[in-house]
Amino acid sequence: MTLVLASTSPRRRDLLARAGVTFEAASTEVDESPRPGEAPGALAARLARAKAEAVRRPDAFVLGADTIVVLGTRILGKPADEAEAADMLRLLGGRTHAVMTATCLLLPRPGGGAIERVCTTEVDMVPIDGRDVAAYVAGGEWRGKAGGYAAQGIASAFIAAVRGSYTNVVGLPLAEVIADLRAAGAPAADLARGVAA
């Protein structure tokens, strides 16, 4: 039985591969716009399921995921340009924000069904001065990243503390995903048993 990762994110692919999980990757195109009044966790959960459903196969486990950054009640998605990326960093600097990753594991048929969850991690950032914002944005690491930063990259210098799953901030709560794979009986989970046990 195959595991399909419904994601174009190289970070999610790398996290699963490093844990020893064997999988196929499939690209998805899903409109990530929030609906009016949609709560952050509900948005992430809806998008994770939509991504999984977009590549559903009756003979495979399919894993979809979506990560969002939330400051107060404001959802910070992927910045459209350098100006928006700079604005996001200025907002996050010196504050605590939440990173939410929703996952949806579709089970093969017959039976089907899904295992869904939302994992939340709190991240404290140091104050970021204008020069650092400009330098970071010019480097381009922000592209395609929720909240305009990559915790595993240069932006790690801006992070004072992480409460919760670090891999969740990178893009996939690995311990939780592997627990779900095991609960579902996915053969890929056995390969990671030594890593996540």
C-alpha atoms as a PDB file:
ATOM      1  CA  MET A   1       0.000   0.000   0.000  1.00  0.00           C
ATOM      2  CA  THR A   2       1.454   3.378  -1.054  1.00  0.00           C
ATOM      3  CA  LEU A   3       1.632   6.671   0.836  1.00  0.00           C
ATOM      4  CA  VAL A   4       1.109   9.758  -1.323  1.00  0.00           C
ATOM      5  CA  LEU A   5       2.139  13.169  -0.011  1.00  0.00           C
ATOM      6  CA  ALA A   6      -0.149  15.779  -1.562  1.00  0.00           C
ATOM      7  CA  SER A   7       2.314  18.641  -1.388  1.00  0.00           C
ATOM      8  CA  THR A   8       4.751  20.650  -3.477  1.00  0.00           C
ATOM      9  CA  SER A   9       6.663  21.690  -0.339  1.00  0.00           C
ATOM     10  CA  PRO A  10      10.283  20.522  -0.387  1.00  0.00           C
ATOM     11  CA  ARG A  11      10.350  20.945   3.397  1.00  0.00           C
ATOM     12  CA  ARG A  12       7.531  18.440   3.947  1.00  0.00           C
ATOM     13  CA  ARG A  13       9.124  16.006   1.541  1.00  0.00           C
ATOM     14  CA  ASP A  14      12.474  16.351   3.298  1.00  0.00           C
ATOM     15  CA  LEU A  15      10.987  15.847   6.776  1.00  0.00           C
ATOM     16  CA  LEU A  16       9.254  12.616   5.765  1.00  0.00           C
ATOM     17  CA  ALA A  17      12.301  11.337   3.890  1.00  0.00           C
ATOM     18  CA  ARG A  18      14.634  12.034   6.811  1.00  0.00           C
ATOM     19  CA  ALA A  19      12.308  10.066   9.084  1.00  0.00           C
ATOM     20  CA  GLY A  20      12.701   7.073   6.785  1.00  0.00           C
ATOM     21  CA  VAL A  21       9.153   7.191   5.423  1.00  0.00           C
ATOM     22  CA  THR A  22       8.732   5.917   1.875  1.00  0.00           C
ATOM     23  CA  PHE A  23       6.223   7.910  -0.149  1.00  0.00           C
ATOM     24  CA  GLU A  24       5.302   9.326  -3.523  1.00  0.00           C
ATOM     25  CA  ALA A  25       4.793  13.067  -3.934  1.00  0.00           C
ATOM     26  CA  ALA A  26       2.005  14.669  -5.940  1.00  0.00           C
ATOM     27  CA  SER A  27       1.504  18.331  -6.763  1.00  0.00           C
ATOM     28  CA  THR A  28      -1.788  20.012  -5.954  1.00  0.00           C
ATOM     29  CA  GLU A  29      -3.376  23.306  -6.937  1.00  0.00           C
ATOM     30  CA  VAL A  30      -5.812  24.503  -4.282  1.00  0.00           C
ATOM     31  CA  ASP A  31      -7.179  28.007  -3.746  1.00  0.00           C
ATOM     32  CA  GLU A  32      -5.841  28.949  -0.299  1.00  0.00           C
ATOM     33  CA  SER A  33      -8.019  32.036   0.184  1.00  0.00           C
ATOM     34  CA  PRO A  34      -9.810  32.136   3.547  1.00  0.00           C
ATOM     35  CA  ARG A  35     -13.586  32.295   3.593  1.00  0.00           C
ATOM     36  CA  PRO A  36     -15.290  35.250   5.311  1.00  0.00           C
ATOM     37  CA  GLY A  37     -15.162  34.759   9.077  1.00  0.00           C
ATOM     38  CA  GLU A  38     -13.252  31.461   8.792  1.00  0.00           C
ATOM     39  CA  ALA A  39     -11.225  30.655  11.907  1.00  0.00           C
ATOM     40  CA  PRO A  40      -7.501  29.945  11.383  1.00  0.00           C
ATOM     41  CA  GLY A  41      -7.652  26.291  12.440  1.00  0.00           C
ATOM     42  CA  ALA A  42     -10.722  25.687  10.299  1.00  0.00           C
ATOM     43  CA  LEU A  43      -8.978  27.247   7.292  1.00  0.00           C
ATOM     44  CA  ALA A  44      -5.888  25.069   7.690  1.00  0.00           C
ATOM     45  CA  ALA A  45      -8.022  21.930   8.159  1.00  0.00           C
ATOM     46  CA  ARG A  46     -10.138  22.698   5.098  1.00  0.00           C
ATOM     47  CA  LEU A  47      -7.068  23.265   2.917  1.00  0.00           C
ATOM     48  CA  ALA A  48      -5.288  20.130   4.163  1.00  0.00           C
ATOM     49  CA  ARG A  49      -8.333  18.035   3.276  1.00  0.00           C
ATOM     50  CA  ALA A  50      -8.754  19.753  -0.099  1.00  0.00           C
ATOM     51  CA  LYS A  51      -5.140  19.001  -0.992  1.00  0.00           C
ATOM     52  CA  ALA A  52      -5.526  15.353  -0.007  1.00  0.00           C
ATOM     53  CA  GLU A  53      -8.818  15.021  -1.881  1.00  0.00           C
ATOM     54  CA  ALA A  54      -7.234  16.548  -4.995  1.00  0.00           C
ATOM     55  CA  VAL A  55      -4.940  13.528  -5.395  1.00  0.00           C
ATOM     56  CA  ARG A  56      -7.094  10.854  -3.715  1.00  0.00           C
ATOM     57  CA  ARG A  57      -6.380   7.299  -4.837  1.00  0.00           C
ATOM     58  CA  PRO A  58      -8.534   4.392  -3.715  1.00  0.00           C
ATOM     59  CA  ASP A  59      -5.482   2.127  -3.374  1.00  0.00           C
ATOM     60  CA  ALA A  60      -3.299   4.514  -1.339  1.00  0.00           C
ATOM     61  CA  PHE A  61      -2.963   6.489   1.853  1.00  0.00           C
ATOM     62  CA  VAL A  62      -2.928  10.196   0.954  1.00  0.00           C
ATOM     63  CA  LEU A  63      -1.507  12.864   3.260  1.00  0.00           C
ATOM     64  CA  GLY A  64      -2.448  16.518   2.816  1.00  0.00           C
ATOM     65  CA  ALA A  65      -1.125  19.369   4.958  1.00  0.00           C
ATOM     66  CA  ASP A  66      -1.439  23.115   5.250  1.00  0.00           C
ATOM     67  CA  THR A  67       0.530  25.510   7.443  1.00  0.00           C
ATOM     68  CA  ILE A  68      -0.539  28.997   8.457  1.00  0.00           C
ATOM     69  CA  VAL A  69       0.917  31.670  10.724  1.00  0.00           C
ATOM     70  CA  VAL A  70      -1.454  33.486  13.076  1.00  0.00           C
ATOM     71  CA  LEU A  71      -0.755  36.702  14.969  1.00  0.00           C
ATOM     72  CA  GLY A  72      -3.661  37.413  17.282  1.00  0.00           C
ATOM     73  CA  THR A  73      -6.640  36.874  14.989  1.00  0.00           C
ATOM     74  CA  ARG A  74      -4.756  37.772  11.815  1.00  0.00           C
ATOM     75  CA  ILE A  75      -3.800  35.008   9.389  1.00  0.00           C
ATOM     76  CA  LEU A  76      -0.460  35.565   7.668  1.00  0.00           C
ATOM     77  CA  GLY A  77      -0.284  33.485   4.506  1.00  0.00           C
ATOM     78  CA  LYS A  78       2.454  33.389   1.881  1.00  0.00           C
ATOM     79  CA  PRO A  79       3.548  36.935   0.990  1.00  0.00           C
ATOM     80  CA  ALA A  80       2.885  37.993  -2.583  1.00  0.00           C
ATOM     81  CA  ASP A  81       5.951  40.215  -2.894  1.00  0.00           C
ATOM     82  CA  GLU A  82       8.911  41.717  -1.050  1.00  0.00           C
ATOM     83  CA  ALA A  83       6.865  44.550   0.447  1.00  0.00           C
ATOM     84  CA  GLU A  84       4.363  42.141   1.978  1.00  0.00           C
ATOM     85  CA  ALA A  85       7.155  39.885   3.263  1.00  0.00           C
ATOM     86  CA  ALA A  86       8.798  42.891   4.953  1.00  0.00           C
ATOM     87  CA  ASP A  87       5.475  43.941   6.496  1.00  0.00           C
ATOM     88  CA  MET A  88       4.980  40.451   7.930  1.00  0.00           C
ATOM     89  CA  LEU A  89       8.447  40.355   9.488  1.00  0.00           C
ATOM     90  CA  ARG A  90       7.931  43.771  11.049  1.00  0.00           C
ATOM     91  CA  LEU A  91       4.619  42.547  12.491  1.00  0.00           C
ATOM     92  CA  LEU A  92       6.133  39.356  13.915  1.00  0.00           C
ATOM     93  CA  GLY A  93       9.297  40.911  15.357  1.00  0.00           C
ATOM     94  CA  GLY A  94       9.281  41.111  19.153  1.00  0.00           C
ATOM     95  CA  ARG A  95       6.004  39.193  19.440  1.00  0.00           C
ATOM     96  CA  THR A  96       4.639  35.703  19.964  1.00  0.00           C
ATOM     97  CA  HIS A  97       2.701  34.103  17.137  1.00  0.00           C
ATOM     98  CA  ALA A  98       1.169  30.706  16.475  1.00  0.00           C
ATOM     99  CA  VAL A  99       2.024  28.313  13.671  1.00  0.00           C
ATOM    100  CA  MET A 100      -0.781  25.902  12.821  1.00  0.00           C
ATOM    101  CA  THR A 101      -0.361  22.901  10.575  1.00  0.00           C
ATOM    102  CA  ALA A 102      -3.413  20.841   9.731  1.00  0.00           C
ATOM    103  CA  THR A 103      -2.986  17.341   8.382  1.00  0.00           C
ATOM    104  CA  CYS A 104      -5.473  15.054   6.691  1.00  0.00           C
ATOM    105  CA  LEU A 105      -4.645  11.390   6.128  1.00  0.00           C
ATOM    106  CA  LEU A 106      -7.109   9.789   3.723  1.00  0.00           C
ATOM    107  CA  LEU A 107      -7.372   6.030   4.130  1.00  0.00           C
ATOM    108  CA  PRO A 108      -7.584   3.609   1.220  1.00  0.00           C
ATOM    109  CA  ARG A 109     -10.823   2.053   0.086  1.00  0.00           C
ATOM    110  CA  PRO A 110     -12.787  -0.015   0.855  1.00  0.00           C
ATOM    111  CA  GLY A 111     -13.413   1.613   4.171  1.00  0.00           C
ATOM    112  CA  GLY A 112     -11.882   4.966   3.415  1.00  0.00           C
ATOM    113  CA  GLY A 113     -12.306   7.622   6.038  1.00  0.00           C
ATOM    114  CA  ALA A 114      -9.717  10.104   7.259  1.00  0.00           C
ATOM    115  CA  ILE A 115      -7.576  11.006  10.251  1.00  0.00           C
ATOM    116  CA  GLU A 116      -7.420  14.770  10.710  1.00  0.00           C
ATOM    117  CA  ARG A 117      -5.723  17.019  13.230  1.00  0.00           C
ATOM    118  CA  VAL A 118      -4.443  20.563  13.748  1.00  0.00           C
ATOM    119  CA  CYS A 119      -1.124  21.014  15.536  1.00  0.00           C
ATOM    120  CA  THR A 120      -0.291  24.432  17.038  1.00  0.00           C
ATOM    121  CA  THR A 121       3.144  25.705  18.050  1.00  0.00           C
ATOM    122  CA  GLU A 122       3.919  29.050  19.690  1.00  0.00           C
ATOM    123  CA  VAL A 123       6.937  30.960  18.395  1.00  0.00           C
ATOM    124  CA  ASP A 124       8.578  33.935  20.135  1.00  0.00           C
ATOM    125  CA  MET A 125      10.523  36.284  17.877  1.00  0.00           C
ATOM    126  CA  VAL A 126      13.140  38.816  18.899  1.00  0.00           C
ATOM    127  CA  PRO A 127      12.692  42.416  17.740  1.00  0.00           C
ATOM    128  CA  ILE A 128      13.886  42.679  14.122  1.00  0.00           C
ATOM    129  CA  ASP A 129      15.433  45.962  13.039  1.00  0.00           C
ATOM    130  CA  GLY A 130      14.909  47.498   9.628  1.00  0.00           C
ATOM    131  CA  ARG A 131      18.316  46.473   8.301  1.00  0.00           C
ATOM    132  CA  ASP A 132      17.731  42.846   9.167  1.00  0.00           C
ATOM    133  CA  VAL A 133      14.262  42.934   7.599  1.00  0.00           C
ATOM    134  CA  ALA A 134      15.680  44.410   4.382  1.00  0.00           C
ATOM    135  CA  ALA A 135      18.565  41.928   4.244  1.00  0.00           C
ATOM    136  CA  TYR A 136      16.313  38.933   4.881  1.00  0.00           C
ATOM    137  CA  VAL A 137      13.774  39.964   2.280  1.00  0.00           C
ATOM    138  CA  ALA A 138      16.507  40.645  -0.294  1.00  0.00           C
ATOM    139  CA  GLY A 139      17.787  37.085   0.198  1.00  0.00           C
ATOM    140  CA  GLY A 140      14.492  35.620  -1.018  1.00  0.00           C
ATOM    141  CA  GLU A 141      14.124  32.918   1.656  1.00  0.00           C
ATOM    142  CA  TRP A 142      10.618  34.229   2.424  1.00  0.00           C
ATOM    143  CA  ARG A 143       9.189  33.122  -0.926  1.00  0.00           C
ATOM    144  CA  GLY A 144       6.445  30.514  -0.581  1.00  0.00           C
ATOM    145  CA  LYS A 145       6.611  30.579   3.234  1.00  0.00           C
ATOM    146  CA  ALA A 146       3.622  31.239   5.486  1.00  0.00           C
ATOM    147  CA  GLY A 147       4.336  34.316   7.559  1.00  0.00           C
ATOM    148  CA  GLY A 148       7.209  35.227   5.249  1.00  0.00           C
ATOM    149  CA  TYR A 149       9.955  33.270   7.010  1.00  0.00           C
ATOM    150  CA  ALA A 150      11.596  29.834   7.176  1.00  0.00           C
ATOM    151  CA  ALA A 151      12.374  28.662  10.712  1.00  0.00           C
ATOM    152  CA  GLN A 152      14.971  26.206   9.440  1.00  0.00           C
ATOM    153  CA  GLY A 153      16.883  28.868   7.505  1.00  0.00           C
ATOM    154  CA  ILE A 154      18.428  32.259   8.135  1.00  0.00           C
ATOM    155  CA  ALA A 155      15.289  33.357   9.990  1.00  0.00           C
ATOM    156  CA  SER A 156      16.228  30.972  12.810  1.00  0.00           C
ATOM    157  CA  ALA A 157      18.294  33.931  14.095  1.00  0.00           C
ATOM    158  CA  PHE A 158      14.998  35.768  14.742  1.00  0.00           C
ATOM    159  CA  ILE A 159      13.469  32.986  16.846  1.00  0.00           C
ATOM    160  CA  ALA A 160      13.859  33.294  20.623  1.00  0.00           C
ATOM    161  CA  ALA A 161      11.742  30.298  21.658  1.00  0.00           C
ATOM    162  CA  VAL A 162       9.521  27.550  20.274  1.00  0.00           C
ATOM    163  CA  ARG A 163       6.828  25.945  22.418  1.00  0.00           C
ATOM    164  CA  GLY A 164       5.531  22.783  20.828  1.00  0.00           C
ATOM    165  CA  SER A 165       6.580  20.857  17.750  1.00  0.00           C
ATOM    166  CA  TYR A 166       9.524  22.411  15.908  1.00  0.00           C
ATOM    167  CA  THR A 167       8.842  20.363  12.777  1.00  0.00           C
ATOM    168  CA  ASN A 168       5.342  21.805  12.803  1.00  0.00           C
ATOM    169  CA  VAL A 169       6.899  25.249  12.276  1.00  0.00           C
ATOM    170  CA  VAL A 170       8.934  23.853   9.381  1.00  0.00           C
ATOM    171  CA  GLY A 171       5.729  22.534   7.804  1.00  0.00           C
ATOM    172  CA  LEU A 172       4.799  19.083   9.132  1.00  0.00           C
ATOM    173  CA  PRO A 173       4.289  17.909  12.746  1.00  0.00           C
ATOM    174  CA  LEU A 174       6.327  14.773  12.215  1.00  0.00           C
ATOM    175  CA  ALA A 175       5.695  12.896  15.471  1.00  0.00           C
ATOM    176  CA  GLU A 176       1.947  13.384  15.092  1.00  0.00           C
ATOM    177  CA  VAL A 177       1.951  12.378  11.428  1.00  0.00           C
ATOM    178  CA  ILE A 178       3.865   9.198  12.148  1.00  0.00           C
ATOM    179  CA  ALA A 179       1.458   8.388  15.001  1.00  0.00           C
ATOM    180  CA  ASP A 180      -1.434   8.790  12.562  1.00  0.00           C
ATOM    181  CA  LEU A 181       0.284   6.591   9.968  1.00  0.00           C
ATOM    182  CA  ARG A 182       0.749   3.887  12.589  1.00  0.00           C
ATOM    183  CA  ALA A 183      -2.845   4.175  13.800  1.00  0.00           C
ATOM    184  CA  ALA A 184      -4.030   3.784  10.219  1.00  0.00           C
ATOM    185  CA  GLY A 185      -1.794   0.765   9.583  1.00  0.00           C
ATOM    186  CA  ALA A 186       0.167   2.487   6.843  1.00  0.00           C
ATOM    187  CA  PRO A 187       3.231   0.385   5.994  1.00  0.00           C
ATOM    188  CA  ALA A 188       5.344   3.536   5.633  1.00  0.00           C
ATOM    189  CA  ALA A 189       5.082   4.062   9.395  1.00  0.00           C
ATOM    190  CA  ASP A 190       7.132   0.945  10.125  1.00  0.00           C
ATOM    191  CA  LEU A 191      10.183   2.441   8.418  1.00  0.00           C
ATOM    192  CA  ALA A 192      10.140   5.383  10.819  1.00  0.00           C
ATOM    193  CA  ARG A 193       9.455   3.369  13.971  1.00  0.00           C
ATOM    194  CA  GLY A 194      12.976   3.819  15.309  1.00  0.00           C
ATOM    195  CA  VAL A 195      12.919   7.572  14.651  1.00  0.00           C
ATOM    196  CA  ALA A 196       9.602   8.481  16.235  1.00  0.00           C
ATOM    197  CA  ALA A 197       9.390   5.891  19.026  1.00  0.00           C
END
